Amino acid sequence: MFTPSARAAAVAAALTVVTAACGAAPSTQTTQASQGGVNAATATSAADFGGFDKLVEAAKKEGSLHVIALPPDWANYGEIIESFQTTYGIKIESETPDAASADEINAVKTRKGQDRAPDVLDLGQSFAISGAKEGLFAPYKVQAFGKIPEGQKEPTGLWVNDYGGYVSIGCDAKKIETCPTSFADLLKPEYKGQVAMNGNPTEAGSAFAGVYAAAIANGGSFDDIQPGIDFFGELRKSGNYNPVETTPATIENGETRISIDWDYNNAAYAPQLAAKGIDWKVNVPTDGRYFQMYAQAVNKDAPHPAAARLWQEYLYSAEGQNLYLKGFARPVLLPAMTADGTVDKTLAANLPAVEGEPAFPTSEQVDAAKAKLAAGWDTAISG
């Protein structure tokens, strides 16, 4: 997932219990089983527990859930975490909320067999695909699995998209006379030193998407991310690129007055910043419209496997999906919930307006783009 500094945890630190990252002594993980002898670590649906109520029972017996890279102000995770804890009485330990998707994958690998390993992951699409190929995840199908559109899930449930958004351009309208509405605008001389991103695109999903969107805006495609890499090289040469990673704090102190980020992040910043006298405007670029979703996955070696699966069930419930929507993120079940009347219509109306239907790259296209970016990004921005 995500991004390094942009997953700032300032506004809701009280909602999470931050555990130690590196340096903690390893501990031995024991296999968790639900009542009746069901092995929670191999359960592929609530039915394997004997039904949803039995899953809840098993998860409560474990008593806790370890998550990573879930900033409270990202897609409304602060409220989601608090609501889950209140609903089920299960303590959530939230570690390193400002971590990136690459950090999550690394934690799964390096902490295998340890109690401090993450139970669940919220990953950028490319990292979900690669993690599944590496055999890091457990297959699990939530009760709403059949309602999730094809292409938005791995067929066995190794990963399932949960929410997403469009790449957007946020702008401090009190400091910038005319806010940019396209990637082409970002090259204008009046934006010298102003254009930042939410993380490093070789590590963070939002920044990766920003480069993909720039590619589309400059004659590239899902098969060709190179024009996006070239665009940021040009942005650097013009002096407009700002290497500072965007957070609400960097916006507030004026370090990042223009930020390429997901629309739900930029939209969520706006009311926070308005209270501090900042007019944060959000535009989906007219020349580089790119939509992508993040994905959930269960760690194959989760120390709390029943709680991990209950967390998934909660996120894909109507309540969980509407809480994403409250954070300006577009939940994967939005079409189904719109059809069955469970969507919060007021929250849906608050989403940034976008015309047309989104298109998605294939896993092969994402893998190829990721490799191309890894090979060329440092050269492009360092000269």
Protein backbone atom coordinates (compact mmCIF):
# COMPACT_ATOMS: atom_id res chain seq x y z
CA MET A 1 0.00 0.00 0.00
CA PHE A 2 0.58 2.20 0.19
CA THR A 3 2.78 5.03 0.74
CA PRO A 4 5.50 5.97 3.09
CA SER A 5 4.94 9.33 4.79
CA ALA A 6 1.52 10.04 3.36
CA ARG A 7 -0.07 7.45 5.55
CA ALA A 8 0.24 9.86 8.43
CA ALA A 9 -1.29 8.79 11.69
CA ALA A 10 -1.57 12.12 13.45
CA VAL A 11 -5.33 12.60 13.61
CA ALA A 12 -6.31 9.35 15.20
CA ALA A 13 -3.37 7.87 17.07
CA ALA A 14 -5.69 7.04 19.94
CA LEU A 15 -7.64 4.67 17.75
CA THR A 16 -4.73 2.30 17.30
CA VAL A 17 -2.20 0.61 19.49
CA VAL A 18 1.15 1.04 17.83
CA THR A 19 3.47 -1.87 18.46
CA ALA A 20 7.23 -1.98 18.15
CA ALA A 21 8.54 -2.42 14.63
CA CYS A 22 12.11 -3.64 14.32
CA GLY A 23 14.08 -5.04 17.21
CA ALA A 24 11.34 -6.85 19.12
CA ALA A 25 12.24 -10.34 20.22
CA PRO A 26 10.77 -13.05 18.01
CA SER A 27 8.18 -15.35 19.48
CA THR A 28 6.84 -18.69 18.42
CA GLN A 29 3.53 -18.70 16.57
CA THR A 30 1.09 -21.43 17.48
CA THR A 31 -1.61 -22.81 15.20
CA GLN A 32 -4.99 -21.37 16.07
CA ALA A 33 -8.09 -23.54 15.89
CA SER A 34 -11.72 -22.72 16.43
CA GLN A 35 -14.08 -24.71 18.63
CA GLY A 36 -14.93 -28.06 17.15
CA GLY A 37 -11.38 -28.65 15.94
CA VAL A 38 -11.58 -26.46 12.82
CA ASN A 39 -8.17 -25.16 11.80
CA ALA A 40 -8.73 -21.44 11.30
CA ALA A 41 -5.50 -21.13 9.32
CA THR A 42 -6.88 -23.29 6.51
CA ALA A 43 -10.48 -22.07 6.52
CA THR A 44 -11.47 -20.75 3.11
CA SER A 45 -14.91 -19.40 4.13
CA ALA A 46 -17.09 -18.80 7.16
CA ALA A 47 -18.79 -22.11 6.38
CA ASP A 48 -15.59 -23.92 7.35
CA PHE A 49 -16.07 -22.64 10.89
CA GLY A 50 -19.65 -23.88 10.94
CA GLY A 51 -21.10 -20.49 9.99
CA PHE A 52 -20.46 -16.80 10.62
CA ASP A 53 -21.37 -16.94 14.32
CA LYS A 54 -18.77 -19.66 14.86
CA LEU A 55 -16.20 -17.54 13.04
CA VAL A 56 -16.97 -14.66 15.41
CA GLU A 57 -16.63 -17.01 18.36
CA ALA A 58 -13.23 -18.24 17.17
CA ALA A 59 -11.99 -14.71 16.48
CA LYS A 60 -13.06 -13.49 19.91
CA LYS A 61 -11.20 -16.41 21.45
CA GLU A 62 -8.00 -15.20 19.75
CA GLY A 63 -8.77 -11.73 21.09
CA SER A 64 -6.58 -9.57 18.89
CA LEU A 65 -5.66 -8.66 15.33
CA HIS A 66 -2.34 -7.31 14.05
CA VAL A 67 -2.54 -4.88 11.12
CA ILE A 68 0.11 -2.84 9.34
CA ALA A 69 0.15 0.19 7.03
CA LEU A 70 -3.36 1.43 7.84
CA PRO A 71 -3.21 5.20 8.43
CA PRO A 72 -6.28 6.48 10.31
CA ASP A 73 -6.81 9.24 7.72
CA TRP A 74 -6.49 6.93 4.70
CA ALA A 75 -9.85 5.67 3.34
CA ASN A 76 -11.31 6.25 6.83
CA TYR A 77 -9.32 3.43 8.44
CA GLY A 78 -9.31 5.19 11.80
CA GLU A 79 -13.08 4.85 12.11
CA ILE A 80 -13.09 1.39 10.54
CA ILE A 81 -10.61 0.13 13.15
CA GLU A 82 -12.54 1.70 16.01
CA SER A 83 -15.85 0.31 14.73
CA PHE A 84 -14.48 -3.23 14.37
CA GLN A 85 -13.08 -3.15 17.90
CA THR A 86 -16.38 -1.89 19.28
CA THR A 87 -18.46 -4.41 17.35
CA TYR A 88 -16.47 -7.53 18.21
CA GLY A 89 -14.42 -6.62 21.28
CA ILE A 90 -11.23 -7.63 19.48
CA LYS A 91 -8.19 -5.46 20.10
CA ILE A 92 -6.46 -4.20 16.96
CA GLU A 93 -2.72 -3.61 17.16
CA SER A 94 -1.88 -1.20 14.36
CA GLU A 95 1.80 -1.04 13.52
CA THR A 96 3.67 1.41 11.31
CA PRO A 97 0.65 3.12 9.73
CA ASP A 98 2.95 5.06 7.40
CA ALA A 99 4.44 1.92 5.82
CA ALA A 100 4.30 1.15 2.10
CA SER A 101 3.07 -1.98 0.32
CA ALA A 102 6.65 -3.18 -0.08
CA ASP A 103 7.10 -2.93 3.70
CA GLU A 104 4.00 -5.08 4.25
CA ILE A 105 5.33 -7.83 1.99
CA ASN A 106 8.69 -7.65 3.72
CA ALA A 107 7.01 -7.98 7.14
CA VAL A 108 5.20 -11.13 6.03
CA LYS A 109 8.48 -12.69 4.86
CA THR A 110 10.75 -11.67 7.71
CA ARG A 111 8.33 -12.34 10.57
CA LYS A 112 7.06 -15.74 9.53
CA GLY A 113 6.26 -17.78 12.63
CA GLN A 114 6.30 -14.75 14.92
CA ASP A 115 3.41 -13.35 16.93
CA ARG A 116 4.16 -9.87 15.56
CA ALA A 117 3.65 -10.90 11.95
CA PRO A 118 0.79 -9.00 10.26
CA ASP A 119 -2.47 -10.95 10.11
CA VAL A 120 -3.89 -9.08 7.13
CA LEU A 121 -2.59 -6.83 4.38
CA ASP A 122 -3.98 -3.87 2.45
CA LEU A 123 -1.88 -3.68 -0.69
CA GLY A 124 -1.47 -1.79 -3.93
CA GLN A 125 -2.67 -3.94 -6.82
CA SER A 126 0.77 -4.81 -8.16
CA PHE A 127 1.95 -5.98 -4.74
CA ALA A 128 -1.18 -8.08 -4.19
CA ILE A 129 -0.57 -9.85 -7.49
CA SER A 130 3.13 -10.47 -6.83
CA GLY A 131 2.50 -11.57 -3.22
CA ALA A 132 -0.03 -14.14 -4.37
CA LYS A 133 2.44 -15.49 -6.91
CA GLU A 134 5.00 -15.86 -4.14
CA GLY A 135 2.59 -17.96 -2.08
CA LEU A 136 2.35 -15.51 0.82
CA PHE A 137 -1.45 -15.39 1.18
CA ALA A 138 -4.22 -17.72 2.30
CA PRO A 139 -7.30 -18.17 0.07
CA TYR A 140 -10.47 -16.87 1.72
CA LYS A 141 -13.86 -16.03 0.25
CA VAL A 142 -15.98 -13.59 2.25
CA GLN A 143 -19.74 -14.03 2.27
CA ALA A 144 -20.07 -11.23 -0.29
CA PHE A 145 -17.49 -12.81 -2.63
CA GLY A 146 -20.05 -13.58 -5.34
CA LYS A 147 -21.08 -9.90 -5.53
CA ILE A 148 -17.55 -8.70 -6.21
CA PRO A 149 -17.05 -8.12 -9.96
CA GLU A 150 -14.83 -10.45 -11.93
CA GLY A 151 -11.40 -9.02 -12.39
CA GLN A 152 -11.55 -7.46 -8.92
CA LYS A 153 -10.58 -10.67 -7.13
CA GLU A 154 -8.28 -13.65 -7.43
CA PRO A 155 -10.60 -16.60 -8.17
CA THR A 156 -9.75 -18.50 -4.97
CA GLY A 157 -9.71 -15.39 -2.76
CA LEU A 158 -5.94 -15.02 -2.39
CA TRP A 159 -6.56 -11.31 -2.82
CA VAL A 160 -9.75 -9.30 -3.24
CA ASN A 161 -10.05 -5.63 -4.16
CA ASP A 162 -11.74 -3.62 -1.43
CA TYR A 163 -11.74 0.09 -2.36
CA GLY A 164 -10.14 2.42 -4.83
CA GLY A 165 -10.02 5.80 -6.44
CA TYR A 166 -8.74 7.95 -9.28
CA VAL A 167 -5.37 9.62 -9.46
CA SER A 168 -5.99 13.27 -8.71
CA ILE A 169 -4.18 16.58 -8.31
CA GLY A 170 -4.62 18.39 -5.01
CA CYS A 171 -3.78 22.08 -4.78
CA ASP A 172 -3.56 24.78 -2.13
CA ALA A 173 -5.82 27.32 -3.83
CA LYS A 174 -4.78 30.11 -1.47
CA LYS A 175 -1.11 29.76 -2.40
CA ILE A 176 -1.49 28.72 -6.07
CA GLU A 177 -3.23 31.29 -8.26
CA THR A 178 -4.60 28.76 -10.78
CA CYS A 179 -4.78 25.13 -9.74
CA PRO A 180 -3.67 22.59 -12.38
CA THR A 181 -6.33 20.35 -13.91
CA SER A 182 -4.10 18.18 -16.11
CA PHE A 183 -0.65 16.63 -16.25
CA ALA A 184 0.21 19.05 -19.05
CA ASP A 185 -0.50 21.93 -16.66
CA LEU A 186 2.05 20.61 -14.18
CA LEU A 187 4.90 21.56 -16.55
CA LYS A 188 3.98 25.26 -16.47
CA PRO A 189 6.74 27.48 -15.04
CA GLU A 190 4.49 28.92 -12.33
CA TYR A 191 4.56 25.54 -10.56
CA LYS A 192 8.32 25.52 -10.04
CA GLY A 193 9.24 23.37 -7.05
CA GLN A 194 5.59 22.71 -6.23
CA VAL A 195 4.61 19.30 -7.67
CA ALA A 196 4.92 16.45 -5.16
CA MET A 197 3.68 12.87 -4.90
CA ASN A 198 2.53 10.57 -2.13
CA GLY A 199 5.59 8.33 -1.89
CA ASN A 200 8.10 6.56 -4.11
CA PRO A 201 6.41 4.82 -7.08
CA THR A 202 8.68 1.77 -6.78
CA GLU A 203 7.31 1.19 -3.26
CA ALA A 204 3.95 2.95 -2.96
CA GLY A 205 0.74 2.17 -4.82
CA SER A 206 -0.51 5.75 -5.11
CA ALA A 207 2.75 7.03 -6.59
CA PHE A 208 2.95 4.05 -8.97
CA ALA A 209 -0.53 4.99 -10.17
CA GLY A 210 0.57 8.60 -10.59
CA VAL A 211 3.26 7.52 -13.04
CA TYR A 212 0.80 5.25 -14.87
CA ALA A 213 -1.67 8.15 -15.16
CA ALA A 214 1.09 10.42 -16.47
CA ALA A 215 1.92 7.77 -19.07
CA ILE A 216 -1.69 7.70 -20.28
CA ALA A 217 -1.67 11.50 -20.44
CA ASN A 218 1.43 11.48 -22.62
CA GLY A 219 0.67 8.88 -25.26
CA GLY A 220 1.39 5.78 -23.22
CA SER A 221 -0.93 2.96 -22.29
CA PHE A 222 -1.34 0.06 -19.88
CA ASP A 223 1.33 -1.65 -22.02
CA ASP A 224 3.68 1.33 -21.98
CA ILE A 225 4.49 3.21 -18.75
CA GLN A 226 7.68 4.73 -20.18
CA PRO A 227 6.03 8.05 -21.19
CA GLY A 228 5.05 8.47 -17.53
CA ILE A 229 8.62 7.93 -16.39
CA ASP A 230 9.78 10.38 -19.04
CA PHE A 231 7.18 12.91 -17.90
CA PHE A 232 8.52 12.94 -14.35
CA GLY A 233 12.05 13.22 -15.75
CA GLU A 234 10.91 16.30 -17.63
CA LEU A 235 9.14 17.60 -14.53
CA ARG A 236 12.40 17.28 -12.61
CA LYS A 237 14.45 19.00 -15.33
CA SER A 238 11.98 21.90 -15.39
CA GLY A 239 12.45 22.36 -11.66
CA ASN A 240 8.77 21.71 -10.96
CA TYR A 241 9.20 18.30 -9.28
CA ASN A 242 9.25 18.39 -5.51
CA PRO A 243 10.73 15.21 -3.94
CA VAL A 244 9.07 15.80 -0.55
CA GLU A 245 6.46 13.11 0.11
CA THR A 246 3.04 14.58 0.73
CA THR A 247 1.31 14.38 4.11
CA PRO A 248 -1.32 16.64 5.70
CA ALA A 249 1.55 18.15 7.68
CA THR A 250 3.62 19.01 4.59
CA ILE A 251 0.56 20.61 3.01
CA GLU A 252 -0.14 22.62 6.14
CA ASN A 253 3.40 23.94 6.43
CA GLY A 254 3.55 24.79 2.72
CA GLU A 255 6.16 22.21 1.67
CA THR A 256 3.81 20.50 -0.80
CA ARG A 257 1.34 22.90 -2.37
CA ILE A 258 0.45 20.58 -5.27
CA SER A 259 0.13 16.83 -4.74
CA ILE A 260 -0.52 13.90 -7.08
CA ASP A 261 -2.45 11.37 -5.01
CA TRP A 262 -5.60 9.28 -4.90
CA ASP A 263 -8.77 11.36 -5.03
CA TYR A 264 -9.97 9.91 -1.71
CA ASN A 265 -6.81 11.10 0.04
CA ASN A 266 -6.93 14.56 -1.47
CA ALA A 267 -10.69 14.82 -0.85
CA ALA A 268 -10.27 13.71 2.77
CA TYR A 269 -7.54 16.28 3.34
CA ALA A 270 -9.82 19.13 2.28
CA PRO A 271 -12.08 19.32 5.38
CA GLN A 272 -9.11 18.75 7.70
CA LEU A 273 -7.18 21.58 6.10
CA ALA A 274 -10.17 23.91 5.83
CA ALA A 275 -10.26 24.07 9.61
CA LYS A 276 -6.70 25.43 9.41
CA GLY A 277 -7.49 28.03 6.78
CA ILE A 278 -6.27 26.08 3.75
CA ASP A 279 -8.46 25.82 0.65
CA TRP A 280 -7.46 22.40 -0.76
CA LYS A 281 -8.92 21.85 -4.22
CA VAL A 282 -9.09 18.44 -5.94
CA ASN A 283 -9.16 17.72 -9.68
CA VAL A 284 -9.07 14.41 -11.53
CA PRO A 285 -6.70 15.23 -14.44
CA THR A 286 -8.47 15.58 -17.74
CA ASP A 287 -5.63 14.02 -19.73
CA GLY A 288 -4.63 11.10 -17.51
CA ARG A 289 -7.65 9.44 -15.97
CA TYR A 290 -6.50 6.35 -14.08
CA PHE A 291 -8.48 4.31 -11.54
CA GLN A 292 -7.14 1.53 -9.40
CA MET A 293 -8.16 -0.41 -6.34
CA TYR A 294 -6.31 -1.67 -3.33
CA ALA A 295 -6.62 -5.29 -2.30
CA GLN A 296 -7.05 -7.23 0.91
CA ALA A 297 -5.14 -10.41 1.63
CA VAL A 298 -4.79 -12.75 4.60
CA ASN A 299 -1.27 -13.70 5.63
CA LYS A 300 -0.91 -17.46 5.08
CA ASP A 301 0.92 -17.62 8.43
CA ALA A 302 -1.31 -15.15 10.30
CA PRO A 303 -0.86 -15.47 14.09
CA HIS A 304 -4.59 -14.72 14.51
CA PRO A 305 -6.16 -16.51 11.53
CA ALA A 306 -9.79 -16.40 12.70
CA ALA A 307 -9.63 -12.70 13.55
CA ALA A 308 -7.98 -12.09 10.16
CA ARG A 309 -10.92 -13.71 8.40
CA LEU A 310 -13.47 -11.87 10.51
CA TRP A 311 -11.74 -8.59 9.61
CA GLN A 312 -12.21 -9.47 5.95
CA GLU A 313 -15.90 -10.20 6.51
CA TYR A 314 -16.33 -6.84 8.21
CA LEU A 315 -14.61 -4.87 5.45
CA TYR A 316 -16.86 -6.43 2.79
CA SER A 317 -20.06 -6.00 4.80
CA ALA A 318 -22.38 -3.11 3.95
CA GLU A 319 -21.21 -1.35 7.11
CA GLY A 320 -17.54 -1.69 6.25
CA GLN A 321 -18.01 -0.68 2.62
CA ASN A 322 -20.00 2.41 3.62
CA LEU A 323 -17.22 3.37 6.04
CA TYR A 324 -14.78 3.34 3.11
CA LEU A 325 -17.26 5.53 1.26
CA LYS A 326 -17.30 7.93 4.21
CA GLY A 327 -13.57 8.35 3.62
CA PHE A 328 -14.22 9.31 -0.05
CA ALA A 329 -12.96 5.92 -1.27
CA ARG A 330 -14.99 4.02 -3.86
CA PRO A 331 -15.82 0.58 -2.37
CA VAL A 332 -15.63 -2.46 -4.61
CA LEU A 333 -19.24 -3.38 -3.76
CA LEU A 334 -20.60 0.06 -4.67
CA PRO A 335 -22.45 -1.22 -7.78
CA ALA A 336 -24.03 -4.10 -5.86
CA MET A 337 -24.93 -1.90 -2.90
CA THR A 338 -26.43 0.71 -5.20
CA ALA A 339 -28.60 -2.01 -6.74
CA ASP A 340 -29.76 -3.51 -3.44
CA GLY A 341 -30.23 -0.19 -1.63
CA THR A 342 -27.61 -0.69 1.08
CA VAL A 343 -25.33 2.14 -0.08
CA ASP A 344 -25.35 5.42 1.86
CA LYS A 345 -26.57 7.72 -0.90
CA THR A 346 -25.45 10.89 0.86
CA LEU A 347 -21.89 9.62 1.14
CA ALA A 348 -21.91 8.43 -2.47
CA ALA A 349 -22.96 11.91 -3.59
CA ASN A 350 -19.84 13.38 -1.95
CA LEU A 351 -17.41 11.53 -4.22
CA PRO A 352 -15.36 13.66 -6.63
CA ALA A 353 -17.17 13.73 -9.99
CA VAL A 354 -15.67 11.66 -12.81
CA GLU A 355 -17.12 10.89 -16.22
CA GLY A 356 -16.98 7.51 -17.96
CA GLU A 357 -16.24 3.99 -16.79
CA PRO A 358 -12.77 3.06 -15.52
CA ALA A 359 -10.55 0.58 -17.34
CA PHE A 360 -8.07 -1.69 -15.60
CA PRO A 361 -4.68 -3.10 -16.60
CA THR A 362 -4.19 -6.86 -16.50
CA SER A 363 -1.87 -8.47 -13.94
CA GLU A 364 0.67 -9.04 -16.73
CA GLN A 365 0.54 -5.36 -17.72
CA VAL A 366 1.00 -4.30 -14.09
CA ASP A 367 3.97 -6.64 -13.64
CA ALA A 368 5.62 -5.31 -16.78
CA ALA A 369 5.00 -1.69 -15.77
CA LYS A 370 6.37 -2.34 -12.29
CA ALA A 371 9.56 -3.84 -13.73
CA LYS A 372 9.98 -0.96 -16.18
CA LEU A 373 9.50 1.58 -13.41
CA ALA A 374 11.99 -0.16 -11.10
CA ALA A 375 14.60 -0.04 -13.84
CA GLY A 376 14.11 3.57 -14.88
CA TRP A 377 12.71 5.68 -12.03
CA ASP A 378 15.90 6.60 -10.17
CA THR A 379 17.62 7.67 -13.37
CA ALA A 380 14.62 9.77 -14.44
CA ILE A 381 14.42 11.81 -11.27
CA SER A 382 18.13 12.03 -10.50
CA GLY A 383 19.22 13.08 -13.98
